[in-house]
mmCIF file of all heavy atoms, coordinates in Angstrom:
data_MODEL
# 
_entry.id   MODEL 
# 
loop_
_atom_site.group_PDB 
_atom_site.id 
_atom_site.type_symbol 
_atom_site.label_atom_id 
_atom_site.label_alt_id 
_atom_site.label_comp_id 
_atom_site.label_asym_id 
_atom_site.label_entity_id 
_atom_site.label_seq_id 
_atom_site.pdbx_PDB_ins_code 
_atom_site.Cartn_x 
_atom_site.Cartn_y 
_atom_site.Cartn_z 
_atom_site.occupancy 
_atom_site.B_iso_or_equiv 
_atom_site.pdbx_formal_charge 
_atom_site.auth_seq_id 
_atom_site.auth_comp_id 
_atom_site.auth_asym_id 
_atom_site.auth_atom_id 
_atom_site.pdbx_PDB_model_num 
ATOM 1   N N   . GLY A 1 1  ? -20.600 -0.760 -6.549  1.00 0.00 ? 1  GLY A N   1 
ATOM 2   C CA  . GLY A 1 1  ? -19.806 -0.738 -7.809  1.00 0.00 ? 1  GLY A CA  1 
ATOM 3   C C   . GLY A 1 1  ? -18.733 0.290  -7.883  1.00 0.00 ? 1  GLY A C   1 
ATOM 4   O O   . GLY A 1 1  ? -18.268 0.541  -8.924  1.00 0.00 ? 1  GLY A O   1 
ATOM 5   N N   . GLN A 1 2  ? -18.490 0.886  -6.656  1.00 0.00 ? 2  GLN A N   1 
ATOM 6   C CA  . GLN A 1 2  ? -17.360 1.947  -6.667  1.00 0.00 ? 2  GLN A CA  1 
ATOM 7   C C   . GLN A 1 2  ? -16.247 1.435  -5.895  1.00 0.00 ? 2  GLN A C   1 
ATOM 8   O O   . GLN A 1 2  ? -16.283 0.440  -5.089  1.00 0.00 ? 2  GLN A O   1 
ATOM 9   C CB  . GLN A 1 2  ? -18.082 3.200  -5.948  1.00 0.00 ? 2  GLN A CB  1 
ATOM 10  C CG  . GLN A 1 2  ? -19.220 3.718  -6.756  1.00 0.00 ? 2  GLN A CG  1 
ATOM 11  C CD  . GLN A 1 2  ? -19.900 4.874  -5.997  1.00 0.00 ? 2  GLN A CD  1 
ATOM 12  O OE1 . GLN A 1 2  ? -19.487 5.280  -4.957  1.00 0.00 ? 2  GLN A OE1 1 
ATOM 13  N NE2 . GLN A 1 2  ? -21.041 5.351  -6.540  1.00 0.00 ? 2  GLN A NE2 1 
ATOM 14  N N   . GLU A 1 3  ? -15.106 2.171  -6.076  1.00 0.00 ? 3  GLU A N   1 
ATOM 15  C CA  . GLU A 1 3  ? -13.836 1.747  -5.348  1.00 0.00 ? 3  GLU A CA  1 
ATOM 16  C C   . GLU A 1 3  ? -13.860 2.179  -3.863  1.00 0.00 ? 3  GLU A C   1 
ATOM 17  O O   . GLU A 1 3  ? -14.403 3.251  -3.589  1.00 0.00 ? 3  GLU A O   1 
ATOM 18  C CB  . GLU A 1 3  ? -12.644 2.484  -6.002  1.00 0.00 ? 3  GLU A CB  1 
ATOM 19  C CG  . GLU A 1 3  ? -12.329 1.877  -7.428  1.00 0.00 ? 3  GLU A CG  1 
ATOM 20  C CD  . GLU A 1 3  ? -11.830 0.472  -7.435  1.00 0.00 ? 3  GLU A CD  1 
ATOM 21  O OE1 . GLU A 1 3  ? -10.937 0.259  -6.547  1.00 0.00 ? 3  GLU A OE1 1 
ATOM 22  O OE2 . GLU A 1 3  ? -12.135 -0.332 -8.206  1.00 0.00 ? 3  GLU A OE2 1 
ATOM 23  N N   . ALA A 1 4  ? -13.300 1.324  -3.083  1.00 0.00 ? 4  ALA A N   1 
ATOM 24  C CA  . ALA A 1 4  ? -13.128 1.691  -1.599  1.00 0.00 ? 4  ALA A CA  1 
ATOM 25  C C   . ALA A 1 4  ? -12.209 0.717  -1.029  1.00 0.00 ? 4  ALA A C   1 
ATOM 26  O O   . ALA A 1 4  ? -12.100 -0.459 -1.363  1.00 0.00 ? 4  ALA A O   1 
ATOM 27  C CB  . ALA A 1 4  ? -14.587 1.538  -0.953  1.00 0.00 ? 4  ALA A CB  1 
ATOM 28  N N   . TYR A 1 5  ? -11.401 1.159  -0.106  1.00 0.00 ? 5  TYR A N   1 
ATOM 29  C CA  . TYR A 1 5  ? -10.421 0.320  0.666   1.00 0.00 ? 5  TYR A CA  1 
ATOM 30  C C   . TYR A 1 5  ? -11.218 -0.290 1.893   1.00 0.00 ? 5  TYR A C   1 
ATOM 31  O O   . TYR A 1 5  ? -11.833 0.403  2.657   1.00 0.00 ? 5  TYR A O   1 
ATOM 32  C CB  . TYR A 1 5  ? -9.229  1.184  1.139   1.00 0.00 ? 5  TYR A CB  1 
ATOM 33  C CG  . TYR A 1 5  ? -8.352  0.328  1.979   1.00 0.00 ? 5  TYR A CG  1 
ATOM 34  C CD1 . TYR A 1 5  ? -7.503  -0.530 1.502   1.00 0.00 ? 5  TYR A CD1 1 
ATOM 35  C CD2 . TYR A 1 5  ? -8.359  0.562  3.388   1.00 0.00 ? 5  TYR A CD2 1 
ATOM 36  C CE1 . TYR A 1 5  ? -6.582  -1.242 2.251   1.00 0.00 ? 5  TYR A CE1 1 
ATOM 37  C CE2 . TYR A 1 5  ? -7.550  -0.181 4.218   1.00 0.00 ? 5  TYR A CE2 1 
ATOM 38  C CZ  . TYR A 1 5  ? -6.699  -1.046 3.695   1.00 0.00 ? 5  TYR A CZ  1 
ATOM 39  O OH  . TYR A 1 5  ? -5.825  -1.791 4.378   1.00 0.00 ? 5  TYR A OH  1 
ATOM 40  N N   . ILE A 1 6  ? -11.041 -1.596 1.979   1.00 0.00 ? 6  ILE A N   1 
ATOM 41  C CA  . ILE A 1 6  ? -11.676 -2.294 3.033   1.00 0.00 ? 6  ILE A CA  1 
ATOM 42  C C   . ILE A 1 6  ? -10.546 -2.538 4.157   1.00 0.00 ? 6  ILE A C   1 
ATOM 43  O O   . ILE A 1 6  ? -9.604  -3.339 3.865   1.00 0.00 ? 6  ILE A O   1 
ATOM 44  C CB  . ILE A 1 6  ? -12.291 -3.643 2.702   1.00 0.00 ? 6  ILE A CB  1 
ATOM 45  C CG1 . ILE A 1 6  ? -13.447 -3.448 1.679   1.00 0.00 ? 6  ILE A CG1 1 
ATOM 46  C CG2 . ILE A 1 6  ? -12.770 -4.372 3.931   1.00 0.00 ? 6  ILE A CG2 1 
ATOM 47  C CD1 . ILE A 1 6  ? -14.088 -4.703 1.258   1.00 0.00 ? 6  ILE A CD1 1 
ATOM 48  N N   . PRO A 1 7  ? -10.590 -1.869 5.243   1.00 0.00 ? 7  PRO A N   1 
ATOM 49  C CA  . PRO A 1 7  ? -9.570  -2.104 6.261   1.00 0.00 ? 7  PRO A CA  1 
ATOM 50  C C   . PRO A 1 7  ? -9.684  -3.504 6.837   1.00 0.00 ? 7  PRO A C   1 
ATOM 51  O O   . PRO A 1 7  ? -10.688 -4.033 7.273   1.00 0.00 ? 7  PRO A O   1 
ATOM 52  C CB  . PRO A 1 7  ? -9.930  -1.061 7.361   1.00 0.00 ? 7  PRO A CB  1 
ATOM 53  C CG  . PRO A 1 7  ? -11.325 -0.611 7.070   1.00 0.00 ? 7  PRO A CG  1 
ATOM 54  C CD  . PRO A 1 7  ? -11.603 -0.924 5.767   1.00 0.00 ? 7  PRO A CD  1 
ATOM 55  N N   . ASN A 1 8  ? -8.505  -4.249 6.748   1.00 0.00 ? 8  ASN A N   1 
ATOM 56  C CA  . ASN A 1 8  ? -8.522  -5.546 7.298   1.00 0.00 ? 8  ASN A CA  1 
ATOM 57  C C   . ASN A 1 8  ? -7.466  -5.534 8.509   1.00 0.00 ? 8  ASN A C   1 
ATOM 58  O O   . ASN A 1 8  ? -7.077  -6.569 8.959   1.00 0.00 ? 8  ASN A O   1 
ATOM 59  C CB  . ASN A 1 8  ? -8.042  -6.558 6.285   1.00 0.00 ? 8  ASN A CB  1 
ATOM 60  C CG  . ASN A 1 8  ? -6.728  -6.233 5.682   1.00 0.00 ? 8  ASN A CG  1 
ATOM 61  O OD1 . ASN A 1 8  ? -6.162  -5.162 5.964   1.00 0.00 ? 8  ASN A OD1 1 
ATOM 62  N ND2 . ASN A 1 8  ? -6.201  -7.106 4.805   1.00 0.00 ? 8  ASN A ND2 1 
ATOM 63  N N   . PHE A 1 9  ? -7.161  -4.452 8.996   1.00 0.00 ? 9  PHE A N   1 
ATOM 64  C CA  . PHE A 1 9  ? -6.279  -4.273 10.111  1.00 0.00 ? 9  PHE A CA  1 
ATOM 65  C C   . PHE A 1 9  ? -6.929  -3.459 11.165  1.00 0.00 ? 9  PHE A C   1 
ATOM 66  O O   . PHE A 1 9  ? -7.826  -2.622 10.888  1.00 0.00 ? 9  PHE A O   1 
ATOM 67  C CB  . PHE A 1 9  ? -4.932  -3.514 9.667   1.00 0.00 ? 9  PHE A CB  1 
ATOM 68  C CG  . PHE A 1 9  ? -5.233  -2.126 9.210   1.00 0.00 ? 9  PHE A CG  1 
ATOM 69  C CD1 . PHE A 1 9  ? -5.222  -1.057 10.111  1.00 0.00 ? 9  PHE A CD1 1 
ATOM 70  C CD2 . PHE A 1 9  ? -5.511  -1.918 7.823   1.00 0.00 ? 9  PHE A CD2 1 
ATOM 71  C CE1 . PHE A 1 9  ? -5.484  0.153  9.627   1.00 0.00 ? 9  PHE A CE1 1 
ATOM 72  C CE2 . PHE A 1 9  ? -5.772  -0.679 7.437   1.00 0.00 ? 9  PHE A CE2 1 
ATOM 73  C CZ  . PHE A 1 9  ? -5.810  0.386  8.249   1.00 0.00 ? 9  PHE A CZ  1 
ATOM 74  N N   . PHE A 1 10 ? -6.725  -3.707 12.360  1.00 0.00 ? 10 PHE A N   1 
ATOM 75  C CA  . PHE A 1 10 ? -7.198  -2.901 13.502  1.00 0.00 ? 10 PHE A CA  1 
ATOM 76  C C   . PHE A 1 10 ? -5.991  -2.453 14.341  1.00 0.00 ? 10 PHE A C   1 
ATOM 77  O O   . PHE A 1 10 ? -6.023  -2.681 15.526  1.00 0.00 ? 10 PHE A O   1 
ATOM 78  C CB  . PHE A 1 10 ? -8.200  -3.688 14.339  1.00 0.00 ? 10 PHE A CB  1 
ATOM 79  C CG  . PHE A 1 10 ? -9.451  -4.075 13.524  1.00 0.00 ? 10 PHE A CG  1 
ATOM 80  C CD1 . PHE A 1 10 ? -10.417 -4.788 14.088  1.00 0.00 ? 10 PHE A CD1 1 
ATOM 81  C CD2 . PHE A 1 10 ? -9.826  -3.526 12.308  1.00 0.00 ? 10 PHE A CD2 1 
ATOM 82  C CE1 . PHE A 1 10 ? -11.586 -5.179 13.547  1.00 0.00 ? 10 PHE A CE1 1 
ATOM 83  C CE2 . PHE A 1 10 ? -11.004 -3.769 11.753  1.00 0.00 ? 10 PHE A CE2 1 
ATOM 84  C CZ  . PHE A 1 10 ? -11.849 -4.685 12.326  1.00 0.00 ? 10 PHE A CZ  1 
ATOM 85  N N   . CYS A 1 11 ? -5.001  -1.869 13.653  1.00 0.00 ? 11 CYS A N   1 
ATOM 86  C CA  . CYS A 1 11 ? -3.849  -1.403 14.375  1.00 0.00 ? 11 CYS A CA  1 
ATOM 87  C C   . CYS A 1 11 ? -4.131  -0.091 15.088  1.00 0.00 ? 11 CYS A C   1 
ATOM 88  O O   . CYS A 1 11 ? -4.991  0.605  14.704  1.00 0.00 ? 11 CYS A O   1 
ATOM 89  C CB  . CYS A 1 11 ? -2.605  -1.263 13.427  1.00 0.00 ? 11 CYS A CB  1 
ATOM 90  S SG  . CYS A 1 11 ? -2.871  0.061  12.158  1.00 0.00 ? 11 CYS A SG  1 
ATOM 91  N N   . LYS A 1 12 ? -3.401  0.199  16.084  1.00 0.00 ? 12 LYS A N   1 
ATOM 92  C CA  . LYS A 1 12 ? -3.593  1.386  16.865  1.00 0.00 ? 12 LYS A CA  1 
ATOM 93  C C   . LYS A 1 12 ? -2.554  2.418  16.550  1.00 0.00 ? 12 LYS A C   1 
ATOM 94  O O   . LYS A 1 12 ? -2.548  3.466  17.303  1.00 0.00 ? 12 LYS A O   1 
ATOM 95  C CB  . LYS A 1 12 ? -3.539  1.042  18.403  1.00 0.00 ? 12 LYS A CB  1 
ATOM 96  C CG  . LYS A 1 12 ? -4.776  0.250  18.786  1.00 0.00 ? 12 LYS A CG  1 
ATOM 97  C CD  . LYS A 1 12 ? -4.852  0.136  20.242  1.00 0.00 ? 12 LYS A CD  1 
ATOM 98  C CE  . LYS A 1 12 ? -6.190  -0.558 20.665  1.00 0.00 ? 12 LYS A CE  1 
ATOM 99  N NZ  . LYS A 1 12 ? -6.388  -0.425 22.113  1.00 0.00 ? 12 LYS A NZ  1 
ATOM 100 N N   . ALA A 1 13 ? -1.736  2.250  15.648  1.00 0.00 ? 13 ALA A N   1 
ATOM 101 C CA  . ALA A 1 13 ? -0.736  3.265  15.243  1.00 0.00 ? 13 ALA A CA  1 
ATOM 102 C C   . ALA A 1 13 ? -0.734  3.375  13.725  1.00 0.00 ? 13 ALA A C   1 
ATOM 103 O O   . ALA A 1 13 ? -0.922  2.342  13.024  1.00 0.00 ? 13 ALA A O   1 
ATOM 104 C CB  . ALA A 1 13 ? 0.654   2.922  15.752  1.00 0.00 ? 13 ALA A CB  1 
ATOM 105 N N   . TYR A 1 14 ? -0.457  4.486  13.204  1.00 0.00 ? 14 TYR A N   1 
ATOM 106 C CA  . TYR A 1 14 ? -0.497  4.733  11.739  1.00 0.00 ? 14 TYR A CA  1 
ATOM 107 C C   . TYR A 1 14 ? 0.695   3.933  11.107  1.00 0.00 ? 14 TYR A C   1 
ATOM 108 O O   . TYR A 1 14 ? 1.833   3.981  11.633  1.00 0.00 ? 14 TYR A O   1 
ATOM 109 C CB  . TYR A 1 14 ? -0.259  6.217  11.420  1.00 0.00 ? 14 TYR A CB  1 
ATOM 110 C CG  . TYR A 1 14 ? -0.212  6.464  9.909   1.00 0.00 ? 14 TYR A CG  1 
ATOM 111 C CD1 . TYR A 1 14 ? -1.309  6.401  9.171   1.00 0.00 ? 14 TYR A CD1 1 
ATOM 112 C CD2 . TYR A 1 14 ? 0.989   6.781  9.348   1.00 0.00 ? 14 TYR A CD2 1 
ATOM 113 C CE1 . TYR A 1 14 ? -1.214  6.581  7.772   1.00 0.00 ? 14 TYR A CE1 1 
ATOM 114 C CE2 . TYR A 1 14 ? 1.133   7.066  8.009   1.00 0.00 ? 14 TYR A CE2 1 
ATOM 115 C CZ  . TYR A 1 14 ? -0.025  6.986  7.243   1.00 0.00 ? 14 TYR A CZ  1 
ATOM 116 O OH  . TYR A 1 14 ? 0.117   7.244  5.925   1.00 0.00 ? 14 TYR A OH  1 
ATOM 117 N N   . ARG A 1 15 ? 0.384   3.277  10.083  1.00 0.00 ? 15 ARG A N   1 
ATOM 118 C CA  . ARG A 1 15 ? 1.398   2.502  9.314   1.00 0.00 ? 15 ARG A CA  1 
ATOM 119 C C   . ARG A 1 15 ? 1.285   2.873  7.752   1.00 0.00 ? 15 ARG A C   1 
ATOM 120 O O   . ARG A 1 15 ? 0.260   2.689  7.198   1.00 0.00 ? 15 ARG A O   1 
ATOM 121 C CB  . ARG A 1 15 ? 1.170   0.967  9.382   1.00 0.00 ? 15 ARG A CB  1 
ATOM 122 C CG  . ARG A 1 15 ? 1.386   0.436  10.726  1.00 0.00 ? 15 ARG A CG  1 
ATOM 123 C CD  . ARG A 1 15 ? 1.116   -1.059 10.642  1.00 0.00 ? 15 ARG A CD  1 
ATOM 124 N NE  . ARG A 1 15 ? 1.077   -1.594 12.002  1.00 0.00 ? 15 ARG A NE  1 
ATOM 125 C CZ  . ARG A 1 15 ? 0.673   -2.858 12.296  1.00 0.00 ? 15 ARG A CZ  1 
ATOM 126 N NH1 . ARG A 1 15 ? 0.209   -3.683 11.317  1.00 0.00 ? 15 ARG A NH1 1 
ATOM 127 N NH2 . ARG A 1 15 ? 0.590   -3.207 13.518  1.00 0.00 ? 15 ARG A NH2 1 
ATOM 128 N N   . PRO A 1 16 ? 2.309   3.531  7.321   1.00 0.00 ? 16 PRO A N   1 
ATOM 129 C CA  . PRO A 1 16 ? 2.208   4.011  5.886   1.00 0.00 ? 16 PRO A CA  1 
ATOM 130 C C   . PRO A 1 16 ? 2.274   2.803  4.969   1.00 0.00 ? 16 PRO A C   1 
ATOM 131 O O   . PRO A 1 16 ? 2.721   1.700  5.415   1.00 0.00 ? 16 PRO A O   1 
ATOM 132 C CB  . PRO A 1 16 ? 3.503   4.870  5.746   1.00 0.00 ? 16 PRO A CB  1 
ATOM 133 C CG  . PRO A 1 16 ? 4.431   4.502  6.843   1.00 0.00 ? 16 PRO A CG  1 
ATOM 134 C CD  . PRO A 1 16 ? 3.565   3.940  7.984   1.00 0.00 ? 16 PRO A CD  1 
ATOM 135 N N   . VAL A 1 17 ? 1.772   2.940  3.739   1.00 0.00 ? 17 VAL A N   1 
ATOM 136 C CA  . VAL A 1 17 ? 1.713   1.878  2.867   1.00 0.00 ? 17 VAL A CA  1 
ATOM 137 C C   . VAL A 1 17 ? 3.081   1.569  2.378   1.00 0.00 ? 17 VAL A C   1 
ATOM 138 O O   . VAL A 1 17 ? 3.894   2.467  2.146   1.00 0.00 ? 17 VAL A O   1 
ATOM 139 C CB  . VAL A 1 17 ? 0.849   2.347  1.577   1.00 0.00 ? 17 VAL A CB  1 
ATOM 140 C CG1 . VAL A 1 17 ? 0.843   1.211  0.514   1.00 0.00 ? 17 VAL A CG1 1 
ATOM 141 C CG2 . VAL A 1 17 ? -0.546  2.654  2.005   1.00 0.00 ? 17 VAL A CG2 1 
ATOM 142 N N   . LEU A 1 18 ? 3.387   0.302  2.299   1.00 0.00 ? 18 LEU A N   1 
ATOM 143 C CA  . LEU A 1 18 ? 4.764   -0.145 1.869   1.00 0.00 ? 18 LEU A CA  1 
ATOM 144 C C   . LEU A 1 18 ? 4.833   0.057  0.405   1.00 0.00 ? 18 LEU A C   1 
ATOM 145 O O   . LEU A 1 18 ? 3.954   -0.418 -0.369  1.00 0.00 ? 18 LEU A O   1 
ATOM 146 C CB  . LEU A 1 18 ? 4.941   -1.652 2.251   1.00 0.00 ? 18 LEU A CB  1 
ATOM 147 C CG  . LEU A 1 18 ? 6.205   -2.286 1.794   1.00 0.00 ? 18 LEU A CG  1 
ATOM 148 C CD1 . LEU A 1 18 ? 7.472   -1.530 2.485   1.00 0.00 ? 18 LEU A CD1 1 
ATOM 149 C CD2 . LEU A 1 18 ? 6.318   -3.732 2.156   1.00 0.00 ? 18 LEU A CD2 1 
ATOM 150 N N   . TYR A 1 19 ? 5.875   0.683  -0.058  1.00 0.00 ? 19 TYR A N   1 
ATOM 151 C CA  . TYR A 1 19 ? 6.009   0.969  -1.534  1.00 0.00 ? 19 TYR A CA  1 
ATOM 152 C C   . TYR A 1 19 ? 7.055   0.013  -2.042  1.00 0.00 ? 19 TYR A C   1 
ATOM 153 O O   . TYR A 1 19 ? 8.143   -0.066 -1.565  1.00 0.00 ? 19 TYR A O   1 
ATOM 154 C CB  . TYR A 1 19 ? 6.471   2.442  -1.826  1.00 0.00 ? 19 TYR A CB  1 
ATOM 155 C CG  . TYR A 1 19 ? 6.647   2.644  -3.289  1.00 0.00 ? 19 TYR A CG  1 
ATOM 156 C CD1 . TYR A 1 19 ? 5.563   2.826  -4.079  1.00 0.00 ? 19 TYR A CD1 1 
ATOM 157 C CD2 . TYR A 1 19 ? 7.971   2.706  -3.782  1.00 0.00 ? 19 TYR A CD2 1 
ATOM 158 C CE1 . TYR A 1 19 ? 5.760   3.044  -5.491  1.00 0.00 ? 19 TYR A CE1 1 
ATOM 159 C CE2 . TYR A 1 19 ? 8.173   2.899  -5.128  1.00 0.00 ? 19 TYR A CE2 1 
ATOM 160 C CZ  . TYR A 1 19 ? 7.019   3.072  -6.030  1.00 0.00 ? 19 TYR A CZ  1 
ATOM 161 O OH  . TYR A 1 19 ? 7.250   3.213  -7.327  1.00 0.00 ? 19 TYR A OH  1 
ATOM 162 N N   . ILE A 1 20 ? 6.640   -0.728 -3.072  1.00 0.00 ? 20 ILE A N   1 
ATOM 163 C CA  . ILE A 1 20 ? 7.619   -1.705 -3.661  1.00 0.00 ? 20 ILE A CA  1 
ATOM 164 C C   . ILE A 1 20 ? 7.822   -1.171 -5.144  1.00 0.00 ? 20 ILE A C   1 
ATOM 165 O O   . ILE A 1 20 ? 6.910   -1.077 -5.884  1.00 0.00 ? 20 ILE A O   1 
ATOM 166 C CB  . ILE A 1 20 ? 7.017   -3.091 -3.775  1.00 0.00 ? 20 ILE A CB  1 
ATOM 167 C CG1 . ILE A 1 20 ? 6.768   -3.613 -2.363  1.00 0.00 ? 20 ILE A CG1 1 
ATOM 168 C CG2 . ILE A 1 20 ? 7.992   -4.022 -4.553  1.00 0.00 ? 20 ILE A CG2 1 
ATOM 169 C CD1 . ILE A 1 20 ? 6.044   -4.900 -2.244  1.00 0.00 ? 20 ILE A CD1 1 
ATOM 170 N N   . PRO A 1 21 ? 9.055   -0.802 -5.421  1.00 0.00 ? 21 PRO A N   1 
ATOM 171 C CA  . PRO A 1 21 ? 9.407   -0.294 -6.723  1.00 0.00 ? 21 PRO A CA  1 
ATOM 172 C C   . PRO A 1 21 ? 9.222   -1.241 -7.827  1.00 0.00 ? 21 PRO A C   1 
ATOM 173 O O   . PRO A 1 21 ? 9.435   -2.449 -7.612  1.00 0.00 ? 21 PRO A O   1 
ATOM 174 C CB  . PRO A 1 21 ? 10.791  0.265  -6.704  1.00 0.00 ? 21 PRO A CB  1 
ATOM 175 C CG  . PRO A 1 21 ? 11.417  -0.559 -5.619  1.00 0.00 ? 21 PRO A CG  1 
ATOM 176 C CD  . PRO A 1 21 ? 10.330  -0.844 -4.573  1.00 0.00 ? 21 PRO A CD  1 
ATOM 177 N N   . SER A 1 22 ? 8.900   -0.808 -9.035  1.00 0.00 ? 22 SER A N   1 
ATOM 178 C CA  . SER A 1 22 ? 8.750   -1.688 -10.202 1.00 0.00 ? 22 SER A CA  1 
ATOM 179 C C   . SER A 1 22 ? 10.122  -2.209 -10.712 1.00 0.00 ? 22 SER A C   1 
ATOM 180 O O   . SER A 1 22 ? 11.174  -1.582 -10.366 1.00 0.00 ? 22 SER A O   1 
ATOM 181 C CB  . SER A 1 22 ? 7.936   -1.075 -11.300 1.00 0.00 ? 22 SER A CB  1 
ATOM 182 O OG  . SER A 1 22 ? 8.715   -0.018 -11.779 1.00 0.00 ? 22 SER A OG  1 
ATOM 183 N N   . LYS A 1 23 ? 10.178  -3.105 -11.569 1.00 0.00 ? 23 LYS A N   1 
ATOM 184 C CA  . LYS A 1 23 ? 11.381  -3.632 -12.142 1.00 0.00 ? 23 LYS A CA  1 
ATOM 185 C C   . LYS A 1 23 ? 12.034  -2.435 -12.863 1.00 0.00 ? 23 LYS A C   1 
ATOM 186 O O   . LYS A 1 23 ? 13.282  -2.322 -12.822 1.00 0.00 ? 23 LYS A O   1 
ATOM 187 C CB  . LYS A 1 23 ? 11.030  -4.735 -13.099 1.00 0.00 ? 23 LYS A CB  1 
ATOM 188 C CG  . LYS A 1 23 ? 12.249  -5.528 -13.599 1.00 0.00 ? 23 LYS A CG  1 
ATOM 189 C CD  . LYS A 1 23 ? 11.814  -6.731 -14.396 1.00 0.00 ? 23 LYS A CD  1 
ATOM 190 C CE  . LYS A 1 23 ? 12.969  -7.580 -14.802 1.00 0.00 ? 23 LYS A CE  1 
ATOM 191 N NZ  . LYS A 1 23 ? 12.561  -8.812 -15.529 1.00 0.00 ? 23 LYS A NZ  1 
ATOM 192 N N   . GLU A 1 24 ? 11.309  -1.637 -13.611 1.00 0.00 ? 24 GLU A N   1 
ATOM 193 C CA  . GLU A 1 24 ? 11.835  -0.566 -14.383 1.00 0.00 ? 24 GLU A CA  1 
ATOM 194 C C   . GLU A 1 24 ? 12.430  0.543  -13.386 1.00 0.00 ? 24 GLU A C   1 
ATOM 195 O O   . GLU A 1 24 ? 13.516  1.096  -13.727 1.00 0.00 ? 24 GLU A O   1 
ATOM 196 C CB  . GLU A 1 24 ? 10.800  0.114  -15.271 1.00 0.00 ? 24 GLU A CB  1 
ATOM 197 C CG  . GLU A 1 24 ? 10.383  -0.725 -16.386 1.00 0.00 ? 24 GLU A CG  1 
ATOM 198 C CD  . GLU A 1 24 ? 9.520   -1.921 -16.013 1.00 0.00 ? 24 GLU A CD  1 
ATOM 199 O OE1 . GLU A 1 24 ? 8.741   -1.829 -15.012 1.00 0.00 ? 24 GLU A OE1 1 
ATOM 200 O OE2 . GLU A 1 24 ? 9.580   -2.994 -16.662 1.00 0.00 ? 24 GLU A OE2 1 
ATOM 201 N N   . GLU A 1 25 ? 11.837  0.734  -12.297 1.00 0.00 ? 25 GLU A N   1 
ATOM 202 C CA  . GLU A 1 25 ? 12.393  1.724  -11.304 1.00 0.00 ? 25 GLU A CA  1 
ATOM 203 C C   . GLU A 1 25 ? 13.698  1.256  -10.737 1.00 0.00 ? 25 GLU A C   1 
ATOM 204 O O   . GLU A 1 25 ? 14.539  2.058  -10.332 1.00 0.00 ? 25 GLU A O   1 
ATOM 205 C CB  . GLU A 1 25 ? 11.338  1.976  -10.217 1.00 0.00 ? 25 GLU A CB  1 
ATOM 206 C CG  . GLU A 1 25 ? 10.150  2.712  -10.720 1.00 0.00 ? 25 GLU A CG  1 
ATOM 207 C CD  . GLU A 1 25 ? 9.040   2.900  -9.637  1.00 0.00 ? 25 GLU A CD  1 
ATOM 208 O OE1 . GLU A 1 25 ? 8.776   1.920  -9.037  1.00 0.00 ? 25 GLU A OE1 1 
ATOM 209 O OE2 . GLU A 1 25 ? 8.574   4.043  -9.417  1.00 0.00 ? 25 GLU A OE2 1 
ATOM 210 N N   . VAL A 1 26 ? 13.851  -0.026 -10.615 1.00 0.00 ? 26 VAL A N   1 
ATOM 211 C CA  . VAL A 1 26 ? 15.097  -0.589 -10.076 1.00 0.00 ? 26 VAL A CA  1 
ATOM 212 C C   . VAL A 1 26 ? 16.223  -0.625 -11.107 1.00 0.00 ? 26 VAL A C   1 
ATOM 213 O O   . VAL A 1 26 ? 17.401  -0.287 -10.894 1.00 0.00 ? 26 VAL A O   1 
ATOM 214 C CB  . VAL A 1 26 ? 14.880  -2.010 -9.509  1.00 0.00 ? 26 VAL A CB  1 
ATOM 215 C CG1 . VAL A 1 26 ? 16.188  -2.657 -9.069  1.00 0.00 ? 26 VAL A CG1 1 
ATOM 216 C CG2 . VAL A 1 26 ? 13.913  -1.882 -8.308  1.00 0.00 ? 26 VAL A CG2 1 
ATOM 217 N N   . LYS A 1 27 ? 15.859  -0.877 -12.349 1.00 0.00 ? 27 LYS A N   1 
ATOM 218 C CA  . LYS A 1 27 ? 16.728  -1.019 -13.495 1.00 0.00 ? 27 LYS A CA  1 
ATOM 219 C C   . LYS A 1 27 ? 17.457  0.368  -13.782 1.00 0.00 ? 27 LYS A C   1 
ATOM 220 O O   . LYS A 1 27 ? 18.639  0.428  -14.029 1.00 0.00 ? 27 LYS A O   1 
ATOM 221 C CB  . LYS A 1 27 ? 16.145  -1.462 -14.756 1.00 0.00 ? 27 LYS A CB  1 
ATOM 222 C CG  . LYS A 1 27 ? 16.140  -2.983 -14.847 1.00 0.00 ? 27 LYS A CG  1 
ATOM 223 C CD  . LYS A 1 27 ? 15.540  -3.383 -16.212 1.00 0.00 ? 27 LYS A CD  1 
ATOM 224 C CE  . LYS A 1 27 ? 15.634  -4.859 -16.395 1.00 0.00 ? 27 LYS A CE  1 
ATOM 225 N NZ  . LYS A 1 27 ? 15.137  -5.235 -17.737 1.00 0.00 ? 27 LYS A NZ  1 
ATOM 226 N N   . GLU A 1 28 ? 16.696  1.475  -13.718 1.00 0.00 ? 28 GLU A N   1 
ATOM 227 C CA  . GLU A 1 28 ? 17.168  2.723  -14.088 1.00 0.00 ? 28 GLU A CA  1 
ATOM 228 C C   . GLU A 1 28 ? 18.404  3.230  -13.255 1.00 0.00 ? 28 GLU A C   1 
ATOM 229 O O   . GLU A 1 28 ? 19.453  3.463  -13.887 1.00 0.00 ? 28 GLU A O   1 
ATOM 230 C CB  . GLU A 1 28 ? 16.063  3.857  -13.911 1.00 0.00 ? 28 GLU A CB  1 
ATOM 231 C CG  . GLU A 1 28 ? 16.529  5.176  -14.422 1.00 0.00 ? 28 GLU A CG  1 
ATOM 232 C CD  . GLU A 1 28 ? 15.387  6.211  -14.307 1.00 0.00 ? 28 GLU A CD  1 
ATOM 233 O OE1 . GLU A 1 28 ? 14.119  5.797  -14.217 1.00 0.00 ? 28 GLU A OE1 1 
ATOM 234 O OE2 . GLU A 1 28 ? 15.716  7.405  -14.233 1.00 0.00 ? 28 GLU A OE2 1 
# 
């Protein structure tokens, strides 16, 4: 019942998380 990230990738190089800005962040 606790939070955890389940890896579904088996990549061999670090890939940073893709950040998608919110609608408000784009409007400003």
